Amino acid sequence: MHTRELIDEFLRQKRIAMIGVSRNPKDFSRNLYRELLRRRYEVIPINPSAQEIDGHPCYPHISDIRPPIKTVLLMTSRKVSTAVLRECADRGADLVWLYGINGEQDVDPAALQFCRDHGIGVIPGYCPYMFLERAAFFHRIHGFVAKLVGKYPQHHRPA
């Protein structure tokens, strides 16, 4: 599947683990977490340094979630992404979004290769807000600029 099709598939899922959601209530990851909840996604926060996020139980590792989860939004730094992906693979995750503002250039190449080697569908970078219907103005502008400069993932059209 191509990136845009993977994004569409990701957004169709209603149960998502969000690894790296911040303890800081003003952090971008917390805003995205709240927005996904508002849109009726079941978002399970994962942060080994937090007991709860916005009143919801927070888990230290994806392996602590029951039943296991297949769809993951990774908001961690690139330097730990491959280690976190290893745990995701061990738990059977099959679709992972590696958050990044500018697409694949924001993602560790080793993390992408790990996903490919382990049969995990991977969205390399991008901000989920850009693909949510009726997103706030700023996020729509971000998507518009990405389209202008040719960095917005397109739906694959068979030849």
N, C-alpha and C. Protein backbone atom coordinates (compact mmCIF):
# COMPACT_ATOMS: atom_id res chain seq x y z
N MET A 1 0.84 -1.18 0.00
CA MET A 1 0.00 0.00 0.00
C MET A 1 0.89 1.24 0.00
N HIS A 2 0.43 2.28 -0.63
CA HIS A 2 1.16 3.54 -0.67
C HIS A 2 0.79 4.40 0.54
N THR A 3 1.61 5.41 0.81
CA THR A 3 1.46 6.23 2.01
C THR A 3 0.05 6.77 2.18
N ARG A 4 -0.53 7.34 1.15
CA ARG A 4 -1.86 7.94 1.31
C ARG A 4 -2.91 6.88 1.65
N GLU A 5 -2.80 5.72 1.04
CA GLU A 5 -3.74 4.65 1.35
C GLU A 5 -3.54 4.17 2.79
N LEU A 6 -2.30 4.13 3.25
CA LEU A 6 -2.03 3.76 4.64
C LEU A 6 -2.60 4.80 5.60
N ILE A 7 -2.50 6.07 5.25
CA ILE A 7 -3.08 7.14 6.08
C ILE A 7 -4.60 6.95 6.18
N ASP A 8 -5.24 6.71 5.06
CA ASP A 8 -6.69 6.49 5.07
C ASP A 8 -7.05 5.28 5.93
N GLU A 9 -6.28 4.20 5.80
CA GLU A 9 -6.52 3.00 6.61
C GLU A 9 -6.32 3.30 8.09
N PHE A 10 -5.27 4.03 8.42
CA PHE A 10 -4.99 4.39 9.81
C PHE A 10 -6.18 5.16 10.39
N LEU A 11 -6.66 6.14 9.67
CA LEU A 11 -7.75 6.98 10.17
C LEU A 11 -9.08 6.24 10.24
N ARG A 12 -9.22 5.12 9.55
CA ARG A 12 -10.42 4.29 9.66
C ARG A 12 -10.42 3.47 10.96
N GLN A 13 -9.25 3.27 11.52
CA GLN A 13 -9.16 2.50 12.76
C GLN A 13 -9.73 3.35 13.89
N LYS A 14 -10.36 2.73 14.84
CA LYS A 14 -10.93 3.50 15.94
C LYS A 14 -10.21 3.26 17.26
N ARG A 15 -9.27 2.32 17.27
CA ARG A 15 -8.50 2.02 18.49
C ARG A 15 -7.03 2.18 18.15
N ILE A 16 -6.40 3.17 18.78
CA ILE A 16 -5.03 3.54 18.43
C ILE A 16 -4.20 3.70 19.70
N ALA A 17 -3.01 3.13 19.70
CA ALA A 17 -2.05 3.41 20.77
C ALA A 17 -1.26 4.64 20.36
N MET A 18 -1.08 5.56 21.29
CA MET A 18 -0.28 6.76 21.02
C MET A 18 0.94 6.71 21.93
N ILE A 19 2.06 6.33 21.36
CA ILE A 19 3.29 6.18 22.13
C ILE A 19 4.06 7.49 22.12
N GLY A 20 4.36 7.97 23.33
CA GLY A 20 5.11 9.22 23.45
C GLY A 20 4.24 10.43 23.71
N VAL A 21 2.97 10.22 24.06
CA VAL A 21 2.13 11.36 24.42
C VAL A 21 2.73 12.00 25.68
N SER A 22 2.86 13.30 25.67
CA SER A 22 3.59 14.02 26.71
C SER A 22 2.79 14.17 28.01
N ARG A 23 3.52 14.26 29.11
CA ARG A 23 2.90 14.60 30.40
C ARG A 23 2.54 16.08 30.46
N ASN A 24 3.16 16.88 29.61
CA ASN A 24 2.91 18.33 29.59
C ASN A 24 1.56 18.60 28.90
N PRO A 25 0.59 19.15 29.62
CA PRO A 25 -0.73 19.37 29.02
C PRO A 25 -0.74 20.35 27.85
N LYS A 26 0.31 21.14 27.69
CA LYS A 26 0.37 22.11 26.59
C LYS A 26 1.15 21.60 25.39
N ASP A 27 1.71 20.41 25.50
CA ASP A 27 2.51 19.85 24.41
C ASP A 27 1.64 19.52 23.20
N PHE A 28 2.23 19.60 22.02
CA PHE A 28 1.52 19.29 20.78
C PHE A 28 0.91 17.90 20.83
N SER A 29 1.64 16.92 21.35
CA SER A 29 1.13 15.55 21.37
C SER A 29 -0.15 15.45 22.21
N ARG A 30 -0.24 16.24 23.28
CA ARG A 30 -1.45 16.24 24.10
C ARG A 30 -2.62 16.85 23.34
N ASN A 31 -2.35 17.90 22.58
CA ASN A 31 -3.42 18.50 21.78
C ASN A 31 -3.94 17.50 20.74
N LEU A 32 -3.03 16.80 20.08
CA LEU A 32 -3.43 15.80 19.10
C LEU A 32 -4.20 14.66 19.78
N TYR A 33 -3.73 14.23 20.93
CA TYR A 33 -4.40 13.19 21.71
C TYR A 33 -5.85 13.60 21.99
N ARG A 34 -6.03 14.81 22.50
CA ARG A 34 -7.38 15.30 22.81
C ARG A 34 -8.26 15.39 21.55
N GLU A 35 -7.66 15.84 20.46
CA GLU A 35 -8.43 15.96 19.22
C GLU A 35 -8.90 14.60 18.73
N LEU A 36 -8.04 13.60 18.81
CA LEU A 36 -8.45 12.26 18.39
C LEU A 36 -9.56 11.72 19.30
N LEU A 37 -9.45 11.97 20.60
CA LEU A 37 -10.52 11.56 21.52
C LEU A 37 -11.82 12.27 21.16
N ARG A 38 -11.74 13.56 20.90
CA ARG A 38 -12.92 14.35 20.54
C ARG A 38 -13.61 13.78 19.30
N ARG A 39 -12.81 13.21 18.42
CA ARG A 39 -13.34 12.62 17.18
C ARG A 39 -13.74 11.16 17.37
N ARG A 40 -13.83 10.76 18.62
CA ARG A 40 -14.33 9.44 19.01
C ARG A 40 -13.39 8.27 18.69
N TYR A 41 -12.12 8.56 18.61
CA TYR A 41 -11.14 7.47 18.55
C TYR A 41 -10.90 7.00 19.98
N GLU A 42 -10.67 5.72 20.15
CA GLU A 42 -10.20 5.20 21.43
C GLU A 42 -8.68 5.28 21.37
N VAL A 43 -8.11 6.29 22.04
CA VAL A 43 -6.67 6.51 21.99
C VAL A 43 -6.10 6.06 23.33
N ILE A 44 -5.17 5.14 23.28
CA ILE A 44 -4.57 4.60 24.49
C ILE A 44 -3.18 5.22 24.63
N PRO A 45 -2.99 6.07 25.67
CA PRO A 45 -1.71 6.75 25.83
C PRO A 45 -0.64 5.81 26.40
N ILE A 46 0.56 5.95 25.86
CA ILE A 46 1.70 5.17 26.34
C ILE A 46 2.85 6.13 26.63
N ASN A 47 3.25 6.13 27.89
CA ASN A 47 4.39 6.94 28.34
C ASN A 47 4.86 6.32 29.65
N PRO A 48 6.08 5.79 29.69
CA PRO A 48 6.55 5.13 30.91
C PRO A 48 6.67 6.06 32.11
N SER A 49 6.58 7.36 31.90
CA SER A 49 6.71 8.32 33.00
C SER A 49 5.38 8.88 33.48
N ALA A 50 4.26 8.35 32.99
CA ALA A 50 2.95 8.89 33.37
C ALA A 50 2.02 7.76 33.81
N GLN A 51 1.24 8.03 34.84
CA GLN A 51 0.22 7.10 35.31
C GLN A 51 -1.11 7.32 34.59
N GLU A 52 -1.37 8.59 34.26
CA GLU A 52 -2.60 8.93 33.55
C GLU A 52 -2.36 10.16 32.68
N ILE A 53 -3.16 10.26 31.64
CA ILE A 53 -3.12 11.41 30.74
C ILE A 53 -4.56 11.90 30.60
N ASP A 54 -4.80 13.12 31.01
CA ASP A 54 -6.14 13.72 30.92
C ASP A 54 -7.22 12.81 31.51
N GLY A 55 -6.90 12.18 32.63
CA GLY A 55 -7.87 11.34 33.32
C GLY A 55 -8.00 9.93 32.79
N HIS A 56 -7.24 9.57 31.78
CA HIS A 56 -7.27 8.22 31.21
C HIS A 56 -6.03 7.47 31.67
N PRO A 57 -6.15 6.16 31.94
CA PRO A 57 -4.97 5.39 32.33
C PRO A 57 -3.91 5.45 31.23
N CYS A 58 -2.68 5.60 31.66
CA CYS A 58 -1.55 5.64 30.73
C CYS A 58 -0.67 4.42 31.02
N TYR A 59 -0.22 3.78 29.98
CA TYR A 59 0.55 2.56 30.11
C TYR A 59 2.03 2.83 29.84
N PRO A 60 2.92 2.10 30.54
CA PRO A 60 4.35 2.31 30.30
C PRO A 60 4.84 1.72 28.97
N HIS A 61 4.20 0.65 28.51
CA HIS A 61 4.64 -0.04 27.29
C HIS A 61 3.43 -0.56 26.52
N ILE A 62 3.59 -0.72 25.23
CA ILE A 62 2.50 -1.27 24.42
C ILE A 62 2.16 -2.69 24.85
N SER A 63 3.13 -3.40 25.40
CA SER A 63 2.90 -4.78 25.85
C SER A 63 1.95 -4.84 27.04
N ASP A 64 1.69 -3.71 27.70
CA ASP A 64 0.79 -3.68 28.84
C ASP A 64 -0.68 -3.53 28.45
N ILE A 65 -0.96 -3.29 27.19
CA ILE A 65 -2.34 -3.05 26.73
C ILE A 65 -3.02 -4.38 26.42
N ARG A 66 -4.23 -4.54 26.96
CA ARG A 66 -5.06 -5.72 26.69
C ARG A 66 -6.41 -5.25 26.21
N PRO A 67 -6.97 -5.85 25.17
CA PRO A 67 -6.30 -6.76 24.25
C PRO A 67 -5.22 -6.02 23.46
N PRO A 68 -4.30 -6.78 22.84
CA PRO A 68 -3.23 -6.14 22.07
C PRO A 68 -3.79 -5.19 21.01
N ILE A 69 -3.00 -4.22 20.65
CA ILE A 69 -3.43 -3.19 19.72
C ILE A 69 -2.64 -3.29 18.43
N LYS A 70 -3.28 -3.05 17.31
CA LYS A 70 -2.66 -3.22 15.99
C LYS A 70 -2.21 -1.92 15.35
N THR A 71 -2.76 -0.78 15.80
CA THR A 71 -2.51 0.50 15.15
C THR A 71 -1.83 1.44 16.14
N VAL A 72 -0.70 2.04 15.72
CA VAL A 72 0.13 2.82 16.64
C VAL A 72 0.54 4.14 16.00
N LEU A 73 0.40 5.21 16.78
CA LEU A 73 0.94 6.52 16.41
C LEU A 73 2.15 6.75 17.29
N LEU A 74 3.32 6.86 16.67
CA LEU A 74 4.58 6.99 17.40
C LEU A 74 5.00 8.45 17.41
N MET A 75 5.02 9.06 18.61
CA MET A 75 5.36 10.47 18.78
C MET A 75 6.71 10.64 19.48
N THR A 76 7.53 9.62 19.44
CA THR A 76 8.83 9.66 20.11
C THR A 76 9.89 10.27 19.20
N SER A 77 11.06 10.50 19.77
CA SER A 77 12.17 11.02 18.96
C SER A 77 12.70 9.91 18.05
N ARG A 78 13.34 10.34 16.97
CA ARG A 78 13.87 9.36 16.01
C ARG A 78 14.87 8.42 16.65
N LYS A 79 15.62 8.90 17.64
CA LYS A 79 16.69 8.07 18.20
C LYS A 79 16.18 6.85 18.96
N VAL A 80 14.92 6.86 19.39
CA VAL A 80 14.39 5.69 20.09
C VAL A 80 13.33 4.95 19.27
N SER A 81 13.03 5.44 18.08
CA SER A 81 11.91 4.86 17.32
C SER A 81 12.11 3.39 16.98
N THR A 82 13.31 2.98 16.60
CA THR A 82 13.51 1.57 16.23
C THR A 82 13.32 0.66 17.43
N ALA A 83 13.80 1.05 18.59
CA ALA A 83 13.62 0.24 19.80
C ALA A 83 12.13 0.11 20.14
N VAL A 84 11.40 1.20 20.02
CA VAL A 84 9.96 1.17 20.30
C VAL A 84 9.24 0.31 19.26
N LEU A 85 9.66 0.42 18.01
CA LEU A 85 9.05 -0.39 16.95
C LEU A 85 9.26 -1.88 17.18
N ARG A 86 10.38 -2.24 17.75
CA ARG A 86 10.65 -3.65 18.05
C ARG A 86 9.56 -4.18 18.99
N GLU A 87 9.23 -3.39 20.01
CA GLU A 87 8.18 -3.80 20.94
C GLU A 87 6.82 -3.86 20.23
N CYS A 88 6.56 -2.90 19.36
CA CYS A 88 5.31 -2.90 18.58
C CYS A 88 5.20 -4.18 17.75
N ALA A 89 6.28 -4.55 17.09
CA ALA A 89 6.28 -5.76 16.26
C ALA A 89 6.04 -6.99 17.11
N ASP A 90 6.68 -7.04 18.28
CA ASP A 90 6.50 -8.18 19.18
C ASP A 90 5.05 -8.33 19.63
N ARG A 91 4.32 -7.21 19.69
CA ARG A 91 2.92 -7.23 20.13
C ARG A 91 1.94 -7.36 18.97
N GLY A 92 2.45 -7.47 17.75
CA GLY A 92 1.58 -7.70 16.61
C GLY A 92 1.03 -6.46 15.94
N ALA A 93 1.58 -5.29 16.24
CA ALA A 93 1.13 -4.08 15.55
C ALA A 93 1.42 -4.23 14.06
N ASP A 94 0.46 -3.84 13.23
CA ASP A 94 0.68 -3.99 11.79
C ASP A 94 0.53 -2.69 11.01
N LEU A 95 0.25 -1.58 11.71
CA LEU A 95 0.16 -0.29 11.05
C LEU A 95 0.68 0.78 12.02
N VAL A 96 1.75 1.47 11.61
CA VAL A 96 2.41 2.45 12.47
C VAL A 96 2.57 3.77 11.73
N TRP A 97 2.24 4.85 12.42
CA TRP A 97 2.46 6.21 11.90
C TRP A 97 3.63 6.78 12.68
N LEU A 98 4.73 7.04 12.00
CA LEU A 98 5.90 7.67 12.61
C LEU A 98 5.76 9.17 12.42
N TYR A 99 5.33 9.87 13.46
CA TYR A 99 5.04 11.29 13.36
C TYR A 99 6.27 12.09 12.91
N GLY A 100 6.02 13.04 12.05
CA GLY A 100 7.04 13.99 11.62
C GLY A 100 6.36 15.05 10.78
N ILE A 101 6.81 16.27 10.87
CA ILE A 101 6.16 17.39 10.16
C ILE A 101 6.36 17.29 8.65
N ASN A 102 7.54 16.89 8.22
CA ASN A 102 7.90 17.00 6.80
C ASN A 102 7.97 15.69 6.05
N GLY A 103 7.31 14.68 6.54
CA GLY A 103 7.32 13.42 5.82
C GLY A 103 8.54 12.57 6.13
N GLU A 104 8.93 11.78 5.16
CA GLU A 104 9.97 10.76 5.35
C GLU A 104 11.29 11.33 5.86
N GLN A 105 11.62 12.55 5.51
CA GLN A 105 12.90 13.13 5.95
C GLN A 105 12.97 13.30 7.47
N ASP A 106 11.82 13.28 8.15
CA ASP A 106 11.80 13.40 9.61
C ASP A 106 11.94 12.06 10.32
N VAL A 107 12.02 10.98 9.56
CA VAL A 107 11.98 9.64 10.13
C VAL A 107 13.34 8.97 9.97
N ASP A 108 13.74 8.25 11.01
CA ASP A 108 14.99 7.49 10.97
C ASP A 108 14.89 6.40 9.90
N PRO A 109 15.81 6.39 8.92
CA PRO A 109 15.77 5.36 7.87
C PRO A 109 15.80 3.94 8.44
N ALA A 110 16.49 3.74 9.56
CA ALA A 110 16.53 2.41 10.18
C ALA A 110 15.15 2.00 10.67
N ALA A 111 14.36 2.96 11.14
CA ALA A 111 12.99 2.66 11.59
C ALA A 111 12.12 2.25 10.42
N LEU A 112 12.25 2.95 9.30
CA LEU A 112 11.49 2.58 8.10
C LEU A 112 11.86 1.17 7.64
N GLN A 113 13.15 0.89 7.62
CA GLN A 113 13.60 -0.43 7.18
C GLN A 113 13.11 -1.51 8.13
N PHE A 114 13.12 -1.22 9.43
CA PHE A 114 12.62 -2.19 10.41
C PHE A 114 11.16 -2.54 10.09
N CYS A 115 10.35 -1.52 9.85
CA CYS A 115 8.93 -1.76 9.54
C CYS A 115 8.79 -2.62 8.29
N ARG A 116 9.52 -2.28 7.27
CA ARG A 116 9.44 -3.04 6.01
C ARG A 116 9.89 -4.49 6.21
N ASP A 117 10.96 -4.67 6.97
CA ASP A 117 11.47 -6.02 7.22
C ASP A 117 10.52 -6.87 8.04
N HIS A 118 9.66 -6.22 8.83
CA HIS A 118 8.75 -6.94 9.72
C HIS A 118 7.29 -6.90 9.27
N GLY A 119 7.07 -6.47 8.04
CA GLY A 119 5.71 -6.48 7.49
C GLY A 119 4.76 -5.50 8.14
N ILE A 120 5.29 -4.42 8.69
CA ILE A 120 4.46 -3.40 9.32
C ILE A 120 4.21 -2.29 8.31
N GLY A 121 2.95 -1.98 8.07
CA GLY A 121 2.62 -0.84 7.23
C GLY A 121 3.08 0.42 7.95
N VAL A 122 3.80 1.28 7.25
CA VAL A 122 4.38 2.45 7.92
C VAL A 122 4.05 3.73 7.17
N ILE A 123 3.60 4.72 7.93
CA ILE A 123 3.38 6.07 7.42
C ILE A 123 4.60 6.87 7.85
N PRO A 124 5.46 7.24 6.91
CA PRO A 124 6.74 7.87 7.25
C PRO A 124 6.64 9.38 7.41
N GLY A 125 6.36 9.81 8.63
CA GLY A 125 6.27 11.24 8.88
C GLY A 125 4.87 11.77 8.65
N TYR A 126 4.78 13.06 8.48
CA TYR A 126 3.52 13.80 8.31
C TYR A 126 2.81 13.98 9.64
N CYS A 127 1.94 14.96 9.66
CA CYS A 127 1.15 15.28 10.84
C CYS A 127 -0.28 14.79 10.63
N PRO A 128 -0.82 13.98 11.53
CA PRO A 128 -2.19 13.49 11.36
C PRO A 128 -3.22 14.60 11.18
N TYR A 129 -3.01 15.74 11.82
CA TYR A 129 -3.97 16.85 11.68
C TYR A 129 -4.21 17.20 10.21
N MET A 130 -3.18 17.09 9.38
CA MET A 130 -3.31 17.47 7.97
C MET A 130 -4.35 16.63 7.23
N PHE A 131 -4.69 15.48 7.78
CA PHE A 131 -5.56 14.54 7.09
C PHE A 131 -6.92 14.36 7.78
N LEU A 132 -7.13 15.07 8.88
CA LEU A 132 -8.41 15.00 9.57
C LEU A 132 -9.41 15.94 8.90
N GLU A 133 -10.61 15.46 8.71
CA GLU A 133 -11.65 16.32 8.13
C GLU A 133 -11.91 17.50 9.06
N ARG A 134 -12.12 18.64 8.47
CA ARG A 134 -12.45 19.87 9.19
C ARG A 134 -11.43 20.19 10.29
N ALA A 135 -10.17 20.02 9.97
CA ALA A 135 -9.10 20.37 10.92
C ALA A 135 -9.06 21.89 11.06
N ALA A 136 -8.42 22.36 12.11
CA ALA A 136 -8.28 23.79 12.34
C ALA A 136 -7.53 24.45 11.17
N PHE A 137 -7.74 25.73 11.01
CA PHE A 137 -7.21 26.49 9.88
C PHE A 137 -5.71 26.27 9.69
N PHE A 138 -4.93 26.38 10.77
CA PHE A 138 -3.48 26.22 10.68
C PHE A 138 -3.11 24.89 10.04
N HIS A 139 -3.79 23.84 10.43
CA HIS A 139 -3.46 22.50 9.91
C HIS A 139 -3.85 22.37 8.44
N ARG A 140 -4.92 23.02 8.06
CA ARG A 140 -5.29 23.03 6.64
C ARG A 140 -4.25 23.79 5.82
N ILE A 141 -3.73 24.89 6.39
CA ILE A 141 -2.66 25.65 5.72
C ILE A 141 -1.42 24.77 5.56
N HIS A 142 -1.08 24.03 6.61
CA HIS A 142 0.07 23.13 6.56
C HIS A 142 -0.10 22.12 5.42
N GLY A 143 -1.28 21.55 5.30
CA GLY A 143 -1.55 20.61 4.21
C GLY A 143 -1.48 21.29 2.85
N PHE A 144 -2.00 22.51 2.76
CA PHE A 144 -1.97 23.26 1.50
C PHE A 144 -0.53 23.53 1.07
N VAL A 145 0.30 23.96 2.01
CA VAL A 145 1.71 24.24 1.69
C VAL A 145 2.41 22.94 1.26
N ALA A 146 2.13 21.85 1.96
CA ALA A 146 2.72 20.57 1.58
C ALA A 146 2.34 20.19 0.15
N LYS A 147 1.10 20.47 -0.23
CA LYS A 147 0.66 20.20 -1.61
C LYS A 147 1.41 21.09 -2.59
N LEU A 148 1.56 22.37 -2.24
CA LEU A 148 2.25 23.31 -3.13
C LEU A 148 3.68 22.89 -3.43
N VAL A 149 4.37 22.37 -2.42
CA VAL A 149 5.78 22.02 -2.60
C VAL A 149 5.96 20.54 -2.97
N GLY A 150 4.85 19.85 -3.22
CA GLY A 150 4.93 18.46 -3.68
C GLY A 150 5.24 17.45 -2.60
N LYS A 151 4.95 17.77 -1.33
CA LYS A 151 5.27 16.85 -0.23
C LYS A 151 4.02 16.19 0.37
N TYR A 152 2.87 16.45 -0.20
CA TYR A 152 1.63 15.88 0.31
C TYR A 152 1.42 14.52 -0.35
N PRO A 153 1.25 13.45 0.42
CA PRO A 153 1.10 12.13 -0.19
C PRO A 153 -0.20 12.03 -0.99
N GLN A 154 -0.08 11.50 -2.18
CA GLN A 154 -1.22 11.38 -3.09
C GLN A 154 -1.74 9.94 -3.08
N HIS A 155 -3.01 9.80 -3.45
CA HIS A 155 -3.56 8.46 -3.66
C HIS A 155 -2.89 7.86 -4.89
N HIS A 156 -2.54 6.60 -4.79
CA HIS A 156 -1.89 5.90 -5.90
C HIS A 156 -2.92 5.59 -6.98
N ARG A 157 -2.58 5.91 -8.18
CA ARG A 157 -3.45 5.61 -9.32
C ARG A 157 -2.76 4.55 -10.17
N PRO A 158 -3.39 3.37 -10.29
CA PRO A 158 -2.76 2.30 -11.10
C PRO A 158 -2.55 2.75 -12.54
N ALA A 159 -1.46 2.29 -13.11
CA ALA A 159 -1.12 2.67 -14.50
C ALA A 159 -1.99 1.96 -15.50
